[in-house]
Amino acid sequence: MIRRMEELITAQNLTKVYHLYDRPLDRIKETFHPFHKKYHRDFYALRDVSFKANRGDIIGIIGKNGAGKSTLLQIITGVLSPTSGAVSVRGKVAALLELGAGFNPDLSGIENVFFQSSLMGYSNDEVQKRLDGILNFADIGDFIHQPVKTYSSGMFVRLAFAVAINVDPDILIIDEALSVGDFRFRQKCIRTMNDFIVNGKTVLFVSHDSTSIAEFCNKAIWLMDGTIYDFGDPKYICNNYLSFMSYGMLSYASSSSKHLSSAHNKISNINSGDWADVSGCDSFGDRFAEITRVNFFSVDSGKSIRAFDGGCRVVFAVEITVNKTINNAIVGFHMNDPKGNGILGINTDVYGKNIGTLFSGTKVVVEFEFDFPILKAAQYSFSPAIAEGSMSDHIQHHWVHDAYLIQVTRAEPAAKLGHYLVLERDKVSIRRSDCS
């Protein structure tokens, strides 16, 4: 018997409409007009939004300011009511919404711990049992006895997150709250969220940081002008969002590449003559120049590489078809780890290499030769791009997401350390000095 996945959040056709008036007096006129004349215009903060979140889902919500992200979370948590539609939430919810939500500024920190926990349905006895964990996690010292209105934004979010994570909710909702914390506290929160996820909890996570969405989430929602523009694979959605926000363009995707896998990266034989065709990859740009193929090979062997240990001299080659003459071309690439984090980037502008004018109707190859680092055993991807101008002011002609995939097979010493970047043993000197 197949067990049906447990749905903790079900949103159906959520719509939130606000009435906007040009003048305060118009509201009064509309209220008392004998023929109910309309003086307002409708603003749709949300329009017909539907989705489901199952137990264990980590759903990232991304979108520009004003897209409706906070409104959606406020409806799910019960802070706002929808104009139409319905939302069903099963289980206890802990939420970090905008700074200040749910806390009384005149109460002390410890009083707010009990106050906030009571709003989530916990008794004083239950909170008392969790109090030491909350205070240790927040780590704000004697300020816990001071009114919250005296707190800095960082101290506030420490306390709010400590309460949310320590009351053991079924659903955790975070609205960009961690962006105000210091680095060490954010890392502490990330470690705690990872434990939270391992234990099968459900997380809704709003962020402008597409890397965090791609790293943490198994699903992503892209909100645009109050509607769901896309919902699905986080990596695909974040790539598309990046291209849209940076250049006002959406990625061109083949029918098979929306939920990206390594299937597009086909190389028939391992030698320097074999190139990877990028036509099946997600990409964006005005196509005044197009990246058609890429290759990655060892300098020593001259053979293409799909799996290797790293630590050798390599070349990443990019083949470009020029459709319009380009005077100030920038060609480069990003290399990403399995979570989508950029760990290496090289381009002609940053390294001061002028590749000259690229003439319309020609085809060119730009090669990047470098020492490949020792990395943790995992799959990595290369995303090449060609633009025109400078790093601070340029036009993107073609950016190809995940054009070439490689498998780093080296297990030592990266496997023991658990790090992505590891130095060669003979390049590391370790000394001991005894102090009297």
Protein backbone atom coordinates (compact mmCIF):
# COMPACT_ATOMS: atom_id res chain seq x y z
CA MET A 1 0.00 0.00 0.00
CA ILE A 2 1.44 3.39 -1.03
CA ARG A 3 1.26 5.96 1.77
CA ARG A 4 -0.03 9.33 0.68
CA MET A 5 2.30 12.21 1.49
CA GLU A 6 1.06 14.26 4.44
CA GLU A 7 0.05 17.75 3.38
CA LEU A 8 0.73 20.32 6.09
CA ILE A 9 -0.08 23.45 4.07
CA THR A 10 -2.68 23.69 1.32
CA ALA A 11 -3.29 27.06 -0.32
CA GLN A 12 -6.18 27.33 -2.78
CA ASN A 13 -6.70 30.36 -5.01
CA LEU A 14 -5.46 32.85 -2.41
CA THR A 15 -6.21 36.43 -3.38
CA LYS A 16 -5.54 39.56 -1.34
CA VAL A 17 -6.91 42.87 -2.61
CA TYR A 18 -6.27 46.28 -1.07
CA HIS A 19 -8.32 49.39 -1.83
CA LEU A 20 -6.09 52.34 -2.71
CA TYR A 21 -7.40 55.89 -2.44
CA ASP A 22 -5.81 59.00 -3.92
CA ARG A 23 -6.97 61.11 -0.96
CA PRO A 24 -8.10 60.24 2.58
CA LEU A 25 -11.41 62.05 1.94
CA ASP A 26 -12.23 59.62 -0.89
CA ARG A 27 -12.59 56.80 1.64
CA ILE A 28 -15.29 58.74 3.48
CA LYS A 29 -17.04 59.69 0.23
CA GLU A 30 -17.18 56.07 -0.85
CA THR A 31 -18.52 54.93 2.51
CA PHE A 32 -21.42 57.37 2.55
CA HIS A 33 -22.20 57.78 -1.14
CA PRO A 34 -25.93 57.05 -1.68
CA PHE A 35 -25.27 55.22 -4.97
CA HIS A 36 -22.11 53.41 -3.76
CA LYS A 37 -19.83 55.24 -6.14
CA LYS A 38 -16.36 53.72 -6.29
CA TYR A 39 -13.50 56.07 -5.36
CA HIS A 40 -10.77 53.46 -4.97
CA ARG A 41 -8.70 51.32 -7.28
CA ASP A 42 -7.89 47.69 -6.55
CA PHE A 43 -4.35 46.57 -5.83
CA TYR A 44 -3.80 42.81 -5.94
CA ALA A 45 -1.06 41.87 -3.45
CA LEU A 46 -1.86 38.23 -4.27
CA ARG A 47 -3.93 36.84 -7.12
CA ASP A 48 -5.12 33.22 -7.33
CA VAL A 49 -2.11 31.63 -5.57
CA SER A 50 -2.28 27.85 -5.05
CA PHE A 51 0.32 25.36 -3.83
CA LYS A 52 0.84 22.48 -1.39
CA ALA A 53 3.61 21.82 1.13
CA ASN A 54 4.12 18.27 2.37
CA ARG A 55 5.84 17.14 5.54
CA GLY A 56 9.58 17.39 4.96
CA ASP A 57 9.31 19.99 2.18
CA ILE A 58 11.64 22.98 2.26
CA ILE A 59 10.01 25.53 -0.02
CA GLY A 60 11.88 28.67 -0.97
CA ILE A 61 9.88 31.73 -2.00
CA ILE A 62 11.68 34.24 -4.19
CA GLY A 63 10.67 37.42 -5.97
CA LYS A 64 11.45 41.10 -6.13
CA ASN A 65 10.15 43.60 -3.56
CA GLY A 66 6.38 43.95 -3.77
CA ALA A 67 5.87 40.54 -5.38
CA GLY A 68 3.64 39.34 -2.52
CA LYS A 69 6.05 37.14 -0.54
CA SER A 70 5.37 38.64 2.90
CA THR A 71 1.63 38.86 2.24
CA LEU A 72 1.56 35.14 1.43
CA LEU A 73 3.37 34.21 4.63
CA GLN A 74 1.15 36.48 6.72
CA ILE A 75 -1.96 34.77 5.35
CA ILE A 76 -0.51 31.32 6.04
CA THR A 77 0.33 32.30 9.63
CA GLY A 78 -3.08 33.92 10.20
CA VAL A 79 -1.79 37.48 10.56
CA LEU A 80 -3.84 38.48 7.50
CA SER A 81 -7.06 37.11 6.06
CA PRO A 82 -7.37 36.55 2.30
CA THR A 83 -9.91 38.47 0.28
CA SER A 84 -10.83 35.17 -1.37
CA GLY A 85 -9.52 31.64 -1.43
CA ALA A 86 -8.57 29.44 1.50
CA VAL A 87 -5.52 28.07 3.28
CA SER A 88 -5.34 24.96 5.46
CA VAL A 89 -2.46 24.50 7.93
CA ARG A 90 -1.92 21.33 9.96
CA GLY A 91 0.43 21.29 12.92
CA LYS A 92 2.10 23.92 15.07
CA VAL A 93 3.63 26.87 13.26
CA ALA A 94 6.59 29.01 14.32
CA ALA A 95 7.16 32.12 12.22
CA LEU A 96 9.79 34.83 11.89
CA LEU A 97 8.05 37.53 9.90
CA GLU A 98 9.02 41.18 9.63
CA LEU A 99 11.10 42.54 12.50
CA GLY A 100 8.89 43.18 15.53
CA ALA A 101 5.97 40.93 14.62
CA GLY A 102 4.55 39.07 17.59
CA PHE A 103 6.67 40.78 20.27
CA ASN A 104 5.46 43.45 22.68
CA PRO A 105 8.15 46.19 22.71
CA ASP A 106 7.34 47.23 26.27
CA LEU A 107 7.83 43.73 27.71
CA SER A 108 11.24 42.33 28.57
CA GLY A 109 12.87 39.65 26.45
CA ILE A 110 12.01 36.86 28.86
CA GLU A 111 8.41 38.08 29.16
CA ASN A 112 8.17 38.05 25.39
CA VAL A 113 9.44 34.46 25.31
CA PHE A 114 6.37 33.39 27.32
CA PHE A 115 4.10 35.77 25.42
CA GLN A 116 5.20 34.59 21.97
CA SER A 117 5.10 30.92 23.00
CA SER A 118 1.56 31.31 24.33
CA LEU A 119 0.49 32.63 20.90
CA MET A 120 1.78 29.36 19.45
CA GLY A 121 -0.30 27.34 21.90
CA TYR A 122 2.26 26.44 24.57
CA SER A 123 1.58 26.54 28.28
CA ASN A 124 3.90 28.29 30.75
CA ASP A 125 5.04 24.88 32.07
CA GLU A 126 6.03 23.77 28.56
CA VAL A 127 7.93 27.01 27.96
CA GLN A 128 9.68 26.72 31.32
CA LYS A 129 11.07 23.33 30.29
CA ARG A 130 12.47 24.86 27.09
CA LEU A 131 13.61 28.15 28.61
CA ASP A 132 17.28 27.21 29.15
CA GLY A 133 17.60 26.13 25.51
CA ILE A 134 15.98 29.34 24.30
CA LEU A 135 18.20 31.59 26.41
CA ASN A 136 21.38 29.70 25.51
CA PHE A 137 20.57 29.87 21.81
CA ALA A 138 19.71 33.59 21.87
CA ASP A 139 22.86 34.37 23.90
CA ILE A 140 21.98 38.02 24.60
CA GLY A 141 23.08 38.00 28.24
CA ASP A 142 21.41 40.33 30.74
CA PHE A 143 19.50 42.07 27.94
CA ILE A 144 16.96 39.24 28.28
CA HIS A 145 15.57 41.21 31.27
CA GLN A 146 15.38 44.54 29.38
CA PRO A 147 12.43 45.81 27.29
CA VAL A 148 12.54 44.58 23.69
CA LYS A 149 12.24 48.19 22.43
CA THR A 150 15.85 48.71 23.60
CA TYR A 151 17.14 45.82 21.44
CA SER A 152 19.17 46.15 18.28
CA SER A 153 17.79 44.37 15.20
CA GLY A 154 20.42 41.66 15.64
CA MET A 155 19.46 41.03 19.29
CA PHE A 156 15.79 40.92 18.35
CA VAL A 157 16.24 38.30 15.65
CA ARG A 158 18.42 36.20 17.98
CA LEU A 159 15.60 36.00 20.50
CA ALA A 160 12.87 35.51 17.88
CA PHE A 161 14.72 32.68 16.15
CA ALA A 162 15.60 31.06 19.50
CA VAL A 163 11.91 30.95 20.43
CA ALA A 164 10.79 29.71 17.00
CA ILE A 165 13.30 26.87 16.76
CA ASN A 166 13.12 25.66 20.37
CA VAL A 167 9.36 25.19 20.68
CA ASP A 168 9.58 22.23 18.27
CA PRO A 169 7.04 23.35 15.63
CA ASP A 170 5.87 21.22 12.71
CA ILE A 171 6.22 24.17 10.33
CA LEU A 172 8.89 26.89 10.41
CA ILE A 173 8.28 30.06 8.39
CA ILE A 174 11.09 32.57 7.87
CA ASP A 175 10.68 35.89 6.08
CA GLU A 176 14.19 37.20 5.37
CA ALA A 177 14.70 37.56 9.14
CA LEU A 178 18.20 36.08 9.21
CA SER A 179 19.57 38.79 6.95
CA VAL A 180 19.98 41.11 9.95
CA GLY A 181 21.96 38.67 12.12
CA ASP A 182 25.74 38.63 12.40
CA PHE A 183 27.77 36.01 10.53
CA ARG A 184 28.32 33.62 13.45
CA PHE A 185 24.65 33.67 14.41
CA ARG A 186 23.55 33.05 10.81
CA GLN A 187 25.86 30.04 10.65
CA LYS A 188 24.41 28.80 13.94
CA CYS A 189 20.89 29.20 12.55
CA ILE A 190 21.81 27.34 9.38
CA ARG A 191 23.16 24.40 11.37
CA THR A 192 19.98 24.33 13.45
CA MET A 193 17.78 24.52 10.35
CA ASN A 194 19.66 21.59 8.85
CA ASP A 195 18.84 19.54 11.96
CA PHE A 196 15.25 20.76 11.71
CA ILE A 197 15.03 19.55 8.11
CA VAL A 198 16.61 16.17 8.90
CA ASN A 199 13.84 15.61 11.45
CA GLY A 200 11.16 15.86 8.76
CA LYS A 201 9.84 19.33 9.54
CA THR A 202 8.41 21.65 6.90
CA VAL A 203 10.04 25.01 6.14
CA LEU A 204 8.84 28.01 4.15
CA PHE A 205 11.80 30.26 3.51
CA VAL A 206 11.60 33.72 1.90
CA SER A 207 14.87 35.17 0.67
CA HIS A 208 16.34 37.40 -2.01
CA ASP A 209 19.42 35.15 -1.91
CA SER A 210 18.92 32.67 -4.75
CA THR A 211 21.96 30.64 -3.59
CA SER A 212 20.27 29.97 -0.25
CA ILE A 213 17.07 28.92 -2.01
CA ALA A 214 18.96 26.54 -4.30
CA GLU A 215 20.99 25.12 -1.40
CA PHE A 216 18.30 24.61 1.25
CA CYS A 217 15.11 23.94 -0.66
CA ASN A 218 13.64 21.00 -2.55
CA LYS A 219 10.98 23.23 -4.13
CA ALA A 220 10.82 26.91 -5.01
CA ILE A 221 8.06 29.41 -5.72
CA TRP A 222 8.77 32.46 -7.88
CA LEU A 223 6.22 35.18 -7.14
CA MET A 224 5.80 37.98 -9.67
CA ASP A 225 3.24 40.76 -9.26
CA GLY A 226 1.23 38.70 -6.77
CA THR A 227 1.00 35.54 -8.86
CA ILE A 228 3.04 32.34 -9.02
CA TYR A 229 5.20 32.75 -12.09
CA ASP A 230 6.86 29.37 -11.61
CA PHE A 231 6.89 26.54 -9.05
CA GLY A 232 9.22 23.56 -9.04
CA ASP A 233 12.94 22.76 -9.14
CA PRO A 234 14.87 25.39 -7.10
CA LYS A 235 17.97 25.37 -9.27
CA TYR A 236 16.05 25.96 -12.49
CA ILE A 237 13.90 28.68 -10.93
CA CYS A 238 16.88 30.45 -9.31
CA ASN A 239 18.82 30.41 -12.59
CA ASN A 240 15.83 31.94 -14.35
CA TYR A 241 15.31 34.50 -11.57
CA LEU A 242 18.99 35.48 -11.73
CA SER A 243 18.81 36.14 -15.45
CA PHE A 244 15.55 38.06 -15.12
CA MET A 245 16.69 40.28 -12.25
CA SER A 246 20.16 40.93 -13.70
CA TYR A 247 19.32 41.44 -17.34
CA GLY A 248 15.51 41.51 -17.64
CA MET A 249 15.58 38.28 -19.64
CA LEU A 250 14.33 34.78 -18.97
CA SER A 251 16.33 31.66 -19.71
CA TYR A 252 15.66 29.84 -22.93
CA ALA A 253 15.09 26.21 -21.98
CA SER A 254 14.64 23.11 -24.10
CA SER A 255 11.59 20.99 -23.30
CA SER A 256 13.79 18.45 -21.52
CA SER A 257 15.99 20.83 -19.54
CA LYS A 258 13.52 22.53 -17.21
CA HIS A 259 14.24 20.03 -14.46
CA LEU A 260 17.93 19.88 -15.09
CA SER A 261 20.01 16.73 -14.98
CA SER A 262 23.32 15.65 -16.45
CA ALA A 263 21.57 14.17 -19.49
CA HIS A 264 22.36 17.21 -21.68
CA ASN A 265 26.12 16.84 -21.21
CA LYS A 266 26.89 14.13 -23.76
CA ILE A 267 30.45 13.47 -24.93
CA SER A 268 30.91 10.51 -27.25
CA ASN A 269 34.61 9.84 -26.70
CA ILE A 270 37.14 11.17 -24.20
CA ASN A 271 39.65 13.13 -26.31
CA SER A 272 40.37 16.76 -27.01
CA GLY A 273 38.34 16.69 -30.23
CA ASP A 274 35.06 15.95 -28.41
CA TRP A 275 33.01 18.97 -27.42
CA ALA A 276 29.82 19.26 -25.38
CA ASP A 277 26.91 20.73 -27.33
CA VAL A 278 25.11 23.30 -25.13
CA SER A 279 21.92 23.61 -27.19
CA GLY A 280 19.94 21.63 -24.59
CA CYS A 281 21.01 23.81 -21.66
CA ASP A 282 19.11 26.67 -20.04
CA SER A 283 20.51 30.01 -21.24
CA PHE A 284 19.68 33.68 -21.66
CA GLY A 285 20.92 36.74 -23.54
CA ASP A 286 20.22 38.76 -26.66
CA ARG A 287 22.15 36.24 -28.83
CA PHE A 288 24.33 38.82 -30.60
CA ALA A 289 26.94 36.16 -29.87
CA GLU A 290 26.13 32.55 -28.97
CA ILE A 291 28.05 29.90 -27.08
CA THR A 292 27.64 26.73 -29.11
CA ARG A 293 30.03 24.20 -27.55
CA VAL A 294 32.41 23.83 -24.61
CA ASN A 295 35.27 21.49 -23.75
CA PHE A 296 37.33 20.72 -20.65
CA PHE A 297 40.60 18.84 -21.00
CA SER A 298 43.93 18.08 -19.35
CA VAL A 299 47.00 19.98 -20.57
CA ASP A 300 49.23 16.93 -19.97
CA SER A 301 47.12 14.34 -21.80
CA GLY A 302 45.25 16.58 -24.20
CA LYS A 303 42.14 14.51 -23.50
CA SER A 304 38.69 15.69 -22.48
CA ILE A 305 37.82 15.18 -18.82
CA ARG A 306 34.57 14.03 -17.32
CA ALA A 307 35.91 12.43 -14.13
CA PHE A 308 39.26 13.06 -12.44
CA ASP A 309 40.97 13.73 -9.11
CA GLY A 310 41.83 17.40 -9.69
CA GLY A 311 45.13 19.09 -8.91
CA CYS A 312 46.34 19.20 -12.52
CA ARG A 313 46.71 21.81 -15.27
CA VAL A 314 43.48 22.05 -17.29
CA VAL A 315 41.84 24.05 -20.07
CA PHE A 316 38.21 25.09 -20.27
CA ALA A 317 37.41 26.04 -23.87
CA VAL A 318 34.39 28.00 -25.11
CA GLU A 319 33.30 28.04 -28.75
CA ILE A 320 31.39 31.19 -29.78
CA THR A 321 29.44 32.03 -32.93
CA VAL A 322 29.41 35.81 -33.49
CA ASN A 323 26.19 37.20 -34.99
CA LYS A 324 27.04 40.91 -34.57
CA THR A 325 30.47 42.58 -34.36
CA ILE A 326 31.56 42.98 -30.72
CA ASN A 327 34.35 45.44 -29.84
CA ASN A 328 34.68 44.97 -26.08
CA ALA A 329 33.92 41.31 -25.48
CA ILE A 330 34.02 39.73 -22.03
CA VAL A 331 34.19 35.94 -21.97
CA GLY A 332 34.29 33.94 -18.77
CA PHE A 333 32.78 31.17 -16.69
CA HIS A 334 31.56 30.26 -13.21
CA MET A 335 32.14 26.87 -11.65
CA ASN A 336 29.46 25.79 -9.18
CA ASP A 337 29.40 23.14 -6.48
CA PRO A 338 26.53 20.63 -6.14
CA LYS A 339 24.48 23.15 -4.13
CA GLY A 340 24.80 25.85 -6.78
CA ASN A 341 27.38 27.93 -4.90
CA GLY A 342 29.93 29.63 -7.13
CA ILE A 343 33.39 28.46 -6.06
CA LEU A 344 35.51 29.63 -9.00
CA GLY A 345 35.16 32.34 -11.62
CA ILE A 346 37.46 33.58 -14.39
CA ASN A 347 36.80 36.14 -17.12
CA THR A 348 38.82 38.15 -19.58
CA ASP A 349 37.98 41.55 -18.05
CA VAL A 350 38.99 40.73 -14.48
CA TYR A 351 42.25 39.14 -15.61
CA GLY A 352 43.07 41.98 -18.02
CA LYS A 353 43.01 39.89 -21.21
CA ASN A 354 41.78 41.70 -24.32
CA ILE A 355 40.66 39.15 -26.90
CA GLY A 356 40.18 41.80 -29.58
CA THR A 357 37.22 42.53 -31.85
CA LEU A 358 34.87 39.64 -32.63
CA PHE A 359 33.56 40.10 -36.17
CA SER A 360 30.04 39.22 -37.26
CA GLY A 361 29.78 35.89 -39.09
CA THR A 362 32.89 34.39 -37.51
CA LYS A 363 33.42 31.61 -35.00
CA VAL A 364 36.04 31.85 -32.24
CA VAL A 365 37.32 29.68 -29.38
CA VAL A 366 38.44 31.22 -26.08
CA GLU A 367 40.53 28.97 -23.81
CA PHE A 368 41.10 29.36 -20.06
CA GLU A 369 44.13 27.48 -18.75
CA PHE A 370 44.55 27.13 -14.98
CA ASP A 371 45.51 24.78 -12.15
CA PHE A 372 42.41 22.90 -11.09
CA PRO A 373 42.12 22.84 -7.25
CA ILE A 374 41.86 19.74 -5.09
CA LEU A 375 38.15 19.46 -4.33
CA LYS A 376 35.83 17.22 -2.39
CA ALA A 377 34.51 14.25 -4.39
CA ALA A 378 31.29 15.56 -6.00
CA GLN A 379 29.83 16.75 -9.30
CA TYR A 380 30.61 20.32 -10.42
CA SER A 381 29.33 22.41 -13.32
CA PHE A 382 30.75 25.12 -15.61
CA SER A 383 28.51 28.01 -16.73
CA PRO A 384 30.17 30.07 -19.50
CA ALA A 385 29.09 33.51 -20.68
CA ILE A 386 29.88 36.18 -23.25
CA ALA A 387 29.03 39.86 -22.71
CA GLU A 388 30.03 43.25 -24.10
CA GLY A 389 31.36 46.22 -22.13
CA SER A 390 32.93 45.97 -18.67
CA MET A 391 32.20 44.13 -15.43
CA SER A 392 30.44 47.20 -14.00
CA ASP A 393 28.47 48.03 -17.18
CA HIS A 394 27.81 45.36 -19.76
CA ILE A 395 25.24 43.75 -22.04
CA GLN A 396 24.78 40.01 -21.65
CA HIS A 397 24.84 38.30 -25.04
CA HIS A 398 24.72 34.68 -23.89
CA TRP A 399 24.94 32.95 -20.53
CA VAL A 400 24.65 29.15 -20.43
CA HIS A 401 23.76 27.46 -17.16
CA ASP A 402 25.60 24.19 -16.35
CA ALA A 403 27.06 23.73 -19.82
CA TYR A 404 29.67 21.18 -18.75
CA LEU A 405 29.52 18.73 -15.84
CA ILE A 406 32.52 17.06 -14.24
CA GLN A 407 32.87 14.48 -11.50
CA VAL A 408 35.71 14.94 -9.02
CA THR A 409 36.58 11.47 -7.75
CA ARG A 410 39.33 12.21 -5.24
CA ALA A 411 38.37 10.96 -1.78
CA GLU A 412 41.45 11.95 0.26
CA PRO A 413 41.90 14.19 2.15
CA ALA A 414 38.72 16.06 1.24
CA ALA A 415 36.43 13.22 2.30
CA LYS A 416 37.81 13.22 5.84
CA LEU A 417 37.63 16.99 6.17
CA GLY A 418 34.25 17.36 4.47
CA HIS A 419 35.42 20.55 2.72
CA TYR A 420 35.16 21.51 -0.93
CA LEU A 421 38.66 22.96 -1.32
CA VAL A 422 41.72 21.08 -0.01
CA LEU A 423 45.44 21.83 -0.41
CA GLU A 424 47.98 19.26 -1.59
CA ARG A 425 49.84 17.56 1.27
CA ASP A 426 53.27 18.62 0.00
CA LYS A 427 52.05 22.25 -0.14
CA VAL A 428 51.15 22.31 3.58
CA SER A 429 53.71 22.88 6.33
CA ILE A 430 52.68 22.16 9.93
CA ARG A 431 54.95 23.09 12.83
CA ARG A 432 54.85 22.83 16.61
CA SER A 433 56.35 25.32 19.03
CA ASP A 434 56.50 24.72 22.78
CA CYS A 435 55.95 27.74 24.98
CA SER A 436 57.63 28.01 28.38
